């Protein structure tokens, strides 16, 4: 959309901040349907857990008119996204994300000299959003002890798929929704009984994994069982042709209800796992996508107790591995598909599409 549309939408936005007994809260509205990626309304809450952990919960809603803009049009596809950006102090690091939004993929862009880490939550199932329904997006961030007042900024933006499969940001669509400063957040998250153990000791560094994952490959172009099967066939052939000793970026998709420990899987197949996806299901059948960076399942202790999952299983992993390791992994009975990088395209798992089009075996 044009810059004047963004400005108009920003003028229509209403922002309310509270840092008192109800913790940090922000509410905003957008009456401009043309600014489709910006939720029609949303609420944001931020809490601390102990002295080294920050949580946020965003509850966005979109209208029927906005969702129509996410419908597939020919080979192009409009994709709404929400992004969190840390400041240049590099004092906040993303640890875990949980959301009820459909078909999400999470990019981690590591910070440079002028900015900290950024996570972009792309809603590839944007056309399947329900109008006027409140969704949830939870994030957990570790903070370096002694850091000088770090901040976290929430944006919405619109992305689009291209014929070659890449996903790019649409220029002039980024809207700032809220800016959270560490000093503003004083209340404790009521959904945590205790602070996560030894969090400060495990403060992560993403410096060796620049742009851990870009949503690329043919994912945006998969829209039917036929296109999915064609993609699966090509990806499987690609893995079998890999040089056995070279290292490759990869994504592995697992079959439904597979019980796995990523760390043990990494040891068994000599994988360097950078990101894990899982599905958690509550007693009333609601599904949430959970993702974290690295292979340590202990990071799930950073999820708040609400919602409570009665089922939980790993759906995808991403990282680097040798060609021989990926070929062995692809033969595992728990694996649905292994994908490897191809030139400048980075692989991403297809679990959501696998289930959507009933293609998994």
Protein backbone atom coordinates (compact mmCIF):
# COMPACT_ATOMS: atom_id res chain seq x y z
CA UNK A 1 0.00 0.00 0.00
CA UNK A 2 1.10 3.60 -0.53
CA UNK A 3 2.66 5.72 2.16
CA UNK A 4 -0.38 8.00 2.37
CA UNK A 5 -2.54 4.96 3.16
CA UNK A 6 -0.22 3.97 5.97
CA UNK A 7 -0.30 7.49 7.39
CA UNK A 8 -4.09 7.54 7.18
CA UNK A 9 -4.29 4.23 9.02
CA UNK A 10 -1.91 5.50 11.66
CA UNK A 11 -4.14 8.50 12.28
CA UNK A 12 -7.09 6.16 12.78
CA UNK A 13 -5.19 4.17 15.38
CA UNK A 14 -6.02 4.62 19.06
CA UNK A 15 -3.34 3.78 21.60
CA UNK A 16 -3.75 3.38 25.35
CA UNK A 17 -0.88 2.60 27.73
CA UNK A 18 -1.00 1.47 31.35
CA UNK A 19 1.91 0.56 33.56
CA UNK A 20 0.09 0.20 36.86
CA UNK A 21 -1.52 -2.73 38.64
CA UNK A 22 -2.55 -4.33 35.35
CA UNK A 23 1.03 -4.51 34.03
CA UNK A 24 2.04 -3.04 30.68
CA UNK A 25 -0.94 -2.93 28.34
CA UNK A 26 -1.55 -1.48 24.90
CA UNK A 27 -4.74 -1.46 22.83
CA UNK A 28 -5.08 -0.24 19.25
CA UNK A 29 -7.62 -0.18 16.45
CA UNK A 30 -7.49 0.24 12.68
CA UNK A 31 -10.58 1.34 10.77
CA UNK A 32 -8.88 1.27 7.35
CA UNK A 33 -9.65 -2.02 5.59
CA UNK A 34 -7.14 -1.04 2.88
CA UNK A 35 -4.37 -1.46 5.48
CA UNK A 36 -5.14 -5.16 5.65
CA UNK A 37 -2.09 -6.46 7.52
CA UNK A 38 -2.65 -4.05 10.43
CA UNK A 39 -5.17 -5.83 12.69
CA UNK A 40 -8.58 -4.22 13.01
CA UNK A 41 -7.93 -4.27 16.72
CA UNK A 42 -5.50 -5.87 19.10
CA UNK A 43 -4.42 -5.97 22.71
CA UNK A 44 -0.86 -6.33 23.97
CA UNK A 45 0.26 -7.26 27.47
CA UNK A 46 3.83 -7.56 28.73
CA UNK A 47 5.05 -9.07 31.99
CA UNK A 48 8.30 -9.98 33.66
CA UNK A 49 9.13 -13.37 35.13
CA UNK A 50 11.90 -13.02 37.66
CA UNK A 51 14.59 -10.49 36.73
CA UNK A 52 15.79 -11.99 33.45
CA UNK A 53 12.68 -12.92 31.43
CA UNK A 54 10.06 -10.88 29.56
CA UNK A 55 6.79 -12.20 28.12
CA UNK A 56 4.37 -10.57 25.69
CA UNK A 57 0.89 -11.61 24.62
CA UNK A 58 -0.76 -10.05 21.55
CA UNK A 59 -4.42 -10.72 20.76
CA UNK A 60 -5.11 -9.51 17.20
CA UNK A 61 -8.34 -9.57 15.17
CA UNK A 62 -9.02 -8.94 11.47
CA UNK A 63 -12.28 -8.09 9.71
CA UNK A 64 -13.88 -9.96 6.82
CA UNK A 65 -12.89 -7.14 4.45
CA UNK A 66 -9.24 -7.37 5.53
CA UNK A 67 -9.10 -11.15 5.22
CA UNK A 68 -10.33 -10.93 1.64
CA UNK A 69 -7.03 -9.20 0.83
CA UNK A 70 -5.16 -12.35 1.89
CA UNK A 71 -6.95 -14.57 -0.64
CA UNK A 72 -4.77 -16.12 -3.30
CA UNK A 73 -4.72 -14.10 -6.51
CA UNK A 74 -3.16 -15.98 -9.42
CA UNK A 75 0.46 -16.87 -8.52
CA UNK A 76 0.78 -13.99 -6.07
CA UNK A 77 -0.22 -14.11 -2.43
CA UNK A 78 -0.62 -11.40 0.22
CA UNK A 79 0.73 -12.48 3.61
CA UNK A 80 0.14 -10.54 6.84
CA UNK A 81 2.90 -10.58 9.43
CA UNK A 82 3.68 -9.35 12.94
CA UNK A 83 7.28 -8.52 13.88
CA UNK A 84 9.13 -7.87 17.14
CA UNK A 85 12.34 -5.83 16.96
CA UNK A 86 14.79 -5.45 19.84
CA UNK A 87 17.04 -2.42 20.20
CA UNK A 88 20.73 -2.17 19.39
CA UNK A 89 21.82 -3.01 22.94
CA UNK A 90 21.45 -6.71 22.03
CA UNK A 91 20.16 -7.24 25.57
CA UNK A 92 16.97 -9.15 24.67
CA UNK A 93 17.02 -12.50 22.89
CA UNK A 94 13.96 -14.40 21.60
CA UNK A 95 13.57 -17.84 23.18
CA UNK A 96 10.10 -19.20 22.44
CA UNK A 97 6.96 -18.28 20.46
CA UNK A 98 3.45 -19.73 20.77
CA UNK A 99 0.46 -18.79 18.64
CA UNK A 100 -3.02 -19.86 17.54
CA UNK A 101 -2.58 -18.10 14.18
CA UNK A 102 -2.91 -20.48 11.19
CA UNK A 103 0.04 -21.62 9.07
CA UNK A 104 2.71 -19.48 10.74
CA UNK A 105 6.39 -19.42 9.91
CA UNK A 106 8.90 -17.58 12.09
CA UNK A 107 12.01 -15.84 10.74
CA UNK A 108 14.84 -14.88 13.07
CA UNK A 109 16.99 -12.05 11.77
CA UNK A 110 20.02 -11.49 13.95
CA UNK A 111 20.97 -7.94 14.82
CA UNK A 112 23.82 -5.89 13.43
CA UNK A 113 25.48 -2.72 14.62
CA UNK A 114 22.30 -0.64 14.57
CA UNK A 115 19.65 -3.10 15.76
CA UNK A 116 19.07 -6.18 17.87
CA UNK A 117 17.35 -9.43 16.94
CA UNK A 118 14.07 -9.41 15.03
CA UNK A 119 11.47 -12.16 14.78
CA UNK A 120 8.88 -12.03 11.97
CA UNK A 121 5.75 -14.15 12.35
CA UNK A 122 4.37 -14.65 8.83
CA UNK A 123 0.75 -15.85 8.72
CA UNK A 124 0.77 -18.05 5.62
CA UNK A 125 -2.76 -19.17 6.48
CA UNK A 126 -4.02 -15.59 6.43
CA UNK A 127 -6.81 -16.49 4.03
CA UNK A 128 -8.07 -18.96 6.66
CA UNK A 129 -8.36 -16.45 9.48
CA UNK A 130 -11.84 -16.13 10.94
CA UNK A 131 -13.23 -12.59 10.91
CA UNK A 132 -13.53 -10.79 14.25
CA UNK A 133 -11.94 -13.72 16.11
CA UNK A 134 -9.29 -12.99 18.72
CA UNK A 135 -6.07 -14.96 18.11
CA UNK A 136 -3.07 -15.19 20.42
CA UNK A 137 0.65 -14.62 19.86
CA UNK A 138 2.91 -15.22 22.87
CA UNK A 139 6.64 -14.50 22.94
CA UNK A 140 9.30 -15.08 25.62
CA UNK A 141 12.58 -13.13 25.79
CA UNK A 142 15.65 -13.59 27.94
CA UNK A 143 17.45 -10.48 29.13
CA UNK A 144 21.14 -10.08 29.78
CA UNK A 145 21.61 -9.30 33.46
CA UNK A 146 22.72 -5.73 34.07
CA UNK A 147 21.50 -4.53 30.67
CA UNK A 148 20.63 -0.84 30.37
CA UNK A 149 16.88 -0.55 29.81
CA UNK A 150 16.35 -2.62 26.65
CA UNK A 151 13.24 -2.11 24.53
CA UNK A 152 11.04 -4.19 22.23
CA UNK A 153 8.96 -2.80 19.34
CA UNK A 154 5.94 -4.50 17.75
CA UNK A 155 5.12 -3.89 14.08
CA UNK A 156 2.66 -5.20 11.55
CA UNK A 157 3.67 -5.52 7.91
CA UNK A 158 2.52 -7.08 4.67
CA UNK A 159 4.56 -9.63 2.74
CA UNK A 160 3.94 -11.24 -0.63
CA UNK A 161 4.82 -14.45 -2.40
CA UNK A 162 6.53 -14.46 -5.77
CA UNK A 163 6.39 -17.04 -8.59
CA UNK A 164 9.86 -18.32 -7.69
CA UNK A 165 8.69 -19.09 -4.17
CA UNK A 166 10.39 -16.31 -2.19
CA UNK A 167 8.55 -14.17 0.34
CA UNK A 168 9.43 -10.48 0.44
CA UNK A 169 8.26 -7.49 2.45
CA UNK A 170 5.93 -5.06 0.70
CA UNK A 171 7.48 -1.60 0.97
CA UNK A 172 5.80 1.14 3.01
CA UNK A 173 3.54 -1.27 4.91
CA UNK A 174 5.31 -1.45 8.29
CA UNK A 175 3.20 0.10 11.08
CA UNK A 176 4.49 0.44 14.62
CA UNK A 177 1.90 -0.82 17.09
CA UNK A 178 3.70 -0.55 20.41
CA UNK A 179 7.10 -0.02 22.01
CA UNK A 180 7.83 -1.78 25.29
CA UNK A 181 10.63 -0.52 27.53
CA UNK A 182 12.02 -2.85 30.17
CA UNK A 183 11.49 -0.25 32.89
CA UNK A 184 7.78 0.00 32.03
CA UNK A 185 7.14 -3.66 32.80
CA UNK A 186 6.88 -4.19 36.52
CA UNK A 187 4.19 -6.81 37.03
CA UNK A 188 4.87 -10.58 37.24
CA UNK A 189 3.21 -12.89 34.72
CA UNK A 190 0.44 -14.62 36.73
CA UNK A 191 0.63 -17.73 34.51
CA UNK A 192 4.10 -18.64 35.85
CA UNK A 193 4.44 -20.31 39.22
CA UNK A 194 8.18 -19.64 39.40
CA UNK A 195 10.81 -18.01 37.22
CA UNK A 196 12.52 -20.34 34.72
CA UNK A 197 15.56 -21.98 36.31
CA UNK A 198 19.06 -20.81 35.35
CA UNK A 199 17.76 -18.62 32.56
CA UNK A 200 20.55 -16.07 32.75
CA UNK A 201 23.14 -18.87 32.55
CA UNK A 202 21.70 -20.00 29.22
CA UNK A 203 21.50 -16.56 27.59
CA UNK A 204 21.59 -17.47 23.89
CA UNK A 205 23.80 -16.07 21.18
CA UNK A 206 22.56 -16.09 17.60
CA UNK A 207 25.72 -14.50 16.21
CA UNK A 208 26.79 -17.71 14.47
CA UNK A 209 23.43 -18.20 12.74
CA UNK A 210 22.81 -15.12 10.64
CA UNK A 211 19.23 -15.19 9.42
CA UNK A 212 18.53 -18.61 10.90
CA UNK A 213 15.61 -19.09 8.58
CA UNK A 214 14.14 -17.18 5.69
CA UNK A 215 10.72 -18.32 4.54
CA UNK A 216 11.66 -19.37 1.02
CA UNK A 217 11.43 -22.41 -1.22
CA UNK A 218 8.13 -23.11 -2.95
CA UNK A 219 5.98 -22.85 0.18
CA UNK A 220 3.89 -19.85 -1.01
CA UNK A 221 3.07 -21.66 -4.27
CA UNK A 222 1.60 -24.76 -2.63
CA UNK A 223 -2.18 -24.42 -2.70
CA UNK A 224 -3.56 -27.91 -3.45
CA UNK A 225 -2.84 -31.59 -2.93
CA UNK A 226 -1.44 -31.76 -6.47
CA UNK A 227 1.02 -28.89 -6.00
CA UNK A 228 2.04 -30.32 -2.62
CA UNK A 229 2.74 -33.76 -4.07
CA UNK A 230 4.78 -32.19 -6.86
CA UNK A 231 6.82 -30.27 -4.30
CA UNK A 232 7.35 -33.37 -2.16
CA UNK A 233 8.62 -35.35 -5.14
CA UNK A 234 11.12 -32.67 -6.15
CA UNK A 235 12.36 -32.18 -2.57
CA UNK A 236 12.91 -35.92 -2.09
CA UNK A 237 14.91 -36.15 -5.31
CA UNK A 238 16.98 -33.15 -4.25
CA UNK A 239 18.03 -34.79 -0.96
CA UNK A 240 19.10 -38.01 -2.68
CA UNK A 241 21.39 -36.02 -5.01
CA UNK A 242 23.24 -34.15 -2.25
CA UNK A 243 26.98 -34.41 -1.84
CA UNK A 244 27.36 -36.66 1.18
CA UNK A 245 30.18 -34.78 2.90
CA UNK A 246 29.03 -31.20 2.30
CA UNK A 247 26.96 -29.29 4.87
CA UNK A 248 23.49 -28.16 3.86
CA UNK A 249 20.71 -26.11 5.34
CA UNK A 250 17.73 -28.40 5.77
CA UNK A 251 14.16 -28.68 7.05
CA UNK A 252 12.54 -31.93 8.16
CA UNK A 253 8.78 -32.43 8.48
CA UNK A 254 7.52 -35.21 10.73
CA UNK A 255 4.37 -37.27 10.63
CA UNK A 256 1.44 -36.44 12.87
CA UNK A 257 1.68 -37.30 16.58
CA UNK A 258 5.36 -38.25 16.39
CA UNK A 259 7.05 -38.27 19.81
CA UNK A 260 10.62 -36.97 19.44
CA UNK A 261 13.36 -35.32 21.48
CA UNK A 262 15.20 -32.89 19.14
CA UNK A 263 18.48 -33.15 21.05
CA UNK A 264 18.53 -36.95 20.80
CA UNK A 265 17.58 -36.70 17.14
CA UNK A 266 20.48 -34.29 16.57
CA UNK A 267 22.90 -36.73 18.18
CA UNK A 268 21.57 -39.72 16.24
CA UNK A 269 21.77 -38.09 12.81
CA UNK A 270 24.57 -35.55 13.43
CA UNK A 271 22.33 -32.53 12.94
CA UNK A 272 22.92 -28.93 14.00
CA UNK A 273 19.36 -27.85 14.80
CA UNK A 274 18.67 -24.11 14.79
CA UNK A 275 14.88 -24.08 15.12
CA UNK A 276 12.10 -26.44 16.20
CA UNK A 277 8.35 -26.33 15.52
CA UNK A 278 5.72 -28.22 17.51
CA UNK A 279 1.94 -28.44 17.88
CA UNK A 280 0.27 -28.29 21.29
CA UNK A 281 -3.37 -29.28 21.71
CA UNK A 282 -5.61 -28.32 24.63
CA UNK A 283 -8.40 -30.40 26.18
CA UNK A 284 -11.00 -28.57 24.09
CA UNK A 285 -9.16 -29.36 20.85
CA UNK A 286 -7.55 -25.96 20.19
CA UNK A 287 -4.16 -26.16 18.47
CA UNK A 288 -1.18 -23.85 19.00
CA UNK A 289 2.04 -23.66 17.05
CA UNK A 290 5.12 -23.49 19.27
CA UNK A 291 8.62 -22.71 18.01
CA UNK A 292 11.96 -22.14 19.69
CA UNK A 293 15.58 -21.68 18.64
CA UNK A 294 17.99 -24.54 19.22
CA UNK A 295 17.40 -28.19 20.07
CA UNK A 296 16.87 -28.01 23.85
CA UNK A 297 13.35 -29.11 24.75
CA UNK A 298 13.90 -27.60 28.20
CA UNK A 299 13.13 -24.24 26.60
CA UNK A 300 9.48 -25.26 26.82
CA UNK A 301 9.71 -24.32 30.50
CA UNK A 302 9.63 -20.75 29.16
CA UNK A 303 6.02 -21.22 28.03
CA UNK A 304 3.41 -19.92 30.43
CA UNK A 305 1.09 -22.52 32.00
CA UNK A 306 -1.95 -21.19 30.15
CA UNK A 307 -3.00 -22.81 27.83
CA UNK A 308 -2.39 -26.28 29.23
CA UNK A 309 -1.58 -28.85 26.58
CA UNK A 310 -2.89 -32.41 26.77
CA UNK A 311 -1.01 -33.36 23.58
CA UNK A 312 2.30 -32.05 22.29
CA UNK A 313 4.46 -33.25 19.40
CA UNK A 314 7.35 -32.03 17.27
CA UNK A 315 6.34 -31.20 13.69
CA UNK A 316 9.44 -29.68 12.04
CA UNK A 317 13.12 -29.02 12.64
CA UNK A 318 15.55 -26.82 10.73
CA UNK A 319 19.30 -26.43 10.74
CA UNK A 320 22.44 -27.73 9.01
CA UNK A 321 23.68 -31.25 8.33
CA UNK A 322 25.81 -33.32 5.96
CA UNK A 323 24.25 -34.86 2.87
CA UNK A 324 24.70 -38.40 4.22
CA UNK A 325 22.95 -37.43 7.47
CA UNK A 326 19.99 -35.97 5.59
CA UNK A 327 19.69 -39.03 3.39
CA UNK A 328 19.61 -41.25 6.49
CA UNK A 329 17.09 -38.96 8.20
CA UNK A 330 14.79 -39.10 5.17
CA UNK A 331 14.49 -42.89 5.62
CA UNK A 332 13.25 -42.63 9.21
CA UNK A 333 9.67 -43.97 9.62
CA UNK A 334 8.74 -40.85 11.62
CA UNK A 335 9.78 -38.46 8.83
CA UNK A 336 7.33 -37.16 6.25
CA UNK A 337 9.81 -35.13 4.18
CA UNK A 338 13.37 -33.78 4.30
CA UNK A 339 14.18 -30.66 2.26
CA UNK A 340 17.58 -29.13 1.50
CA UNK A 341 18.68 -25.71 0.31
CA UNK A 342 18.89 -25.06 -3.41
CA UNK A 343 21.10 -22.16 -4.50
CA UNK A 344 19.79 -19.09 -2.62
CA UNK A 345 16.55 -20.75 -1.51
CA UNK A 346 16.29 -21.85 2.09
CA UNK A 347 14.10 -24.82 3.03
CA UNK A 348 11.15 -24.70 5.42
CA UNK A 349 8.93 -27.46 6.76
CA UNK A 350 5.50 -28.22 5.32
CA UNK A 351 3.64 -29.79 8.28
CA UNK A 352 0.70 -27.38 8.15
CA UNK A 353 0.29 -27.89 4.40
CA UNK A 354 0.71 -31.65 4.83
CA UNK A 355 -2.23 -31.74 7.23
CA UNK A 356 -4.27 -29.18 5.30
CA UNK A 357 -4.23 -31.15 2.08
CA UNK A 358 -4.25 -34.62 3.67
CA UNK A 359 -1.09 -35.61 1.84
CA UNK A 360 0.82 -37.26 4.69
CA UNK A 361 0.89 -41.02 4.79
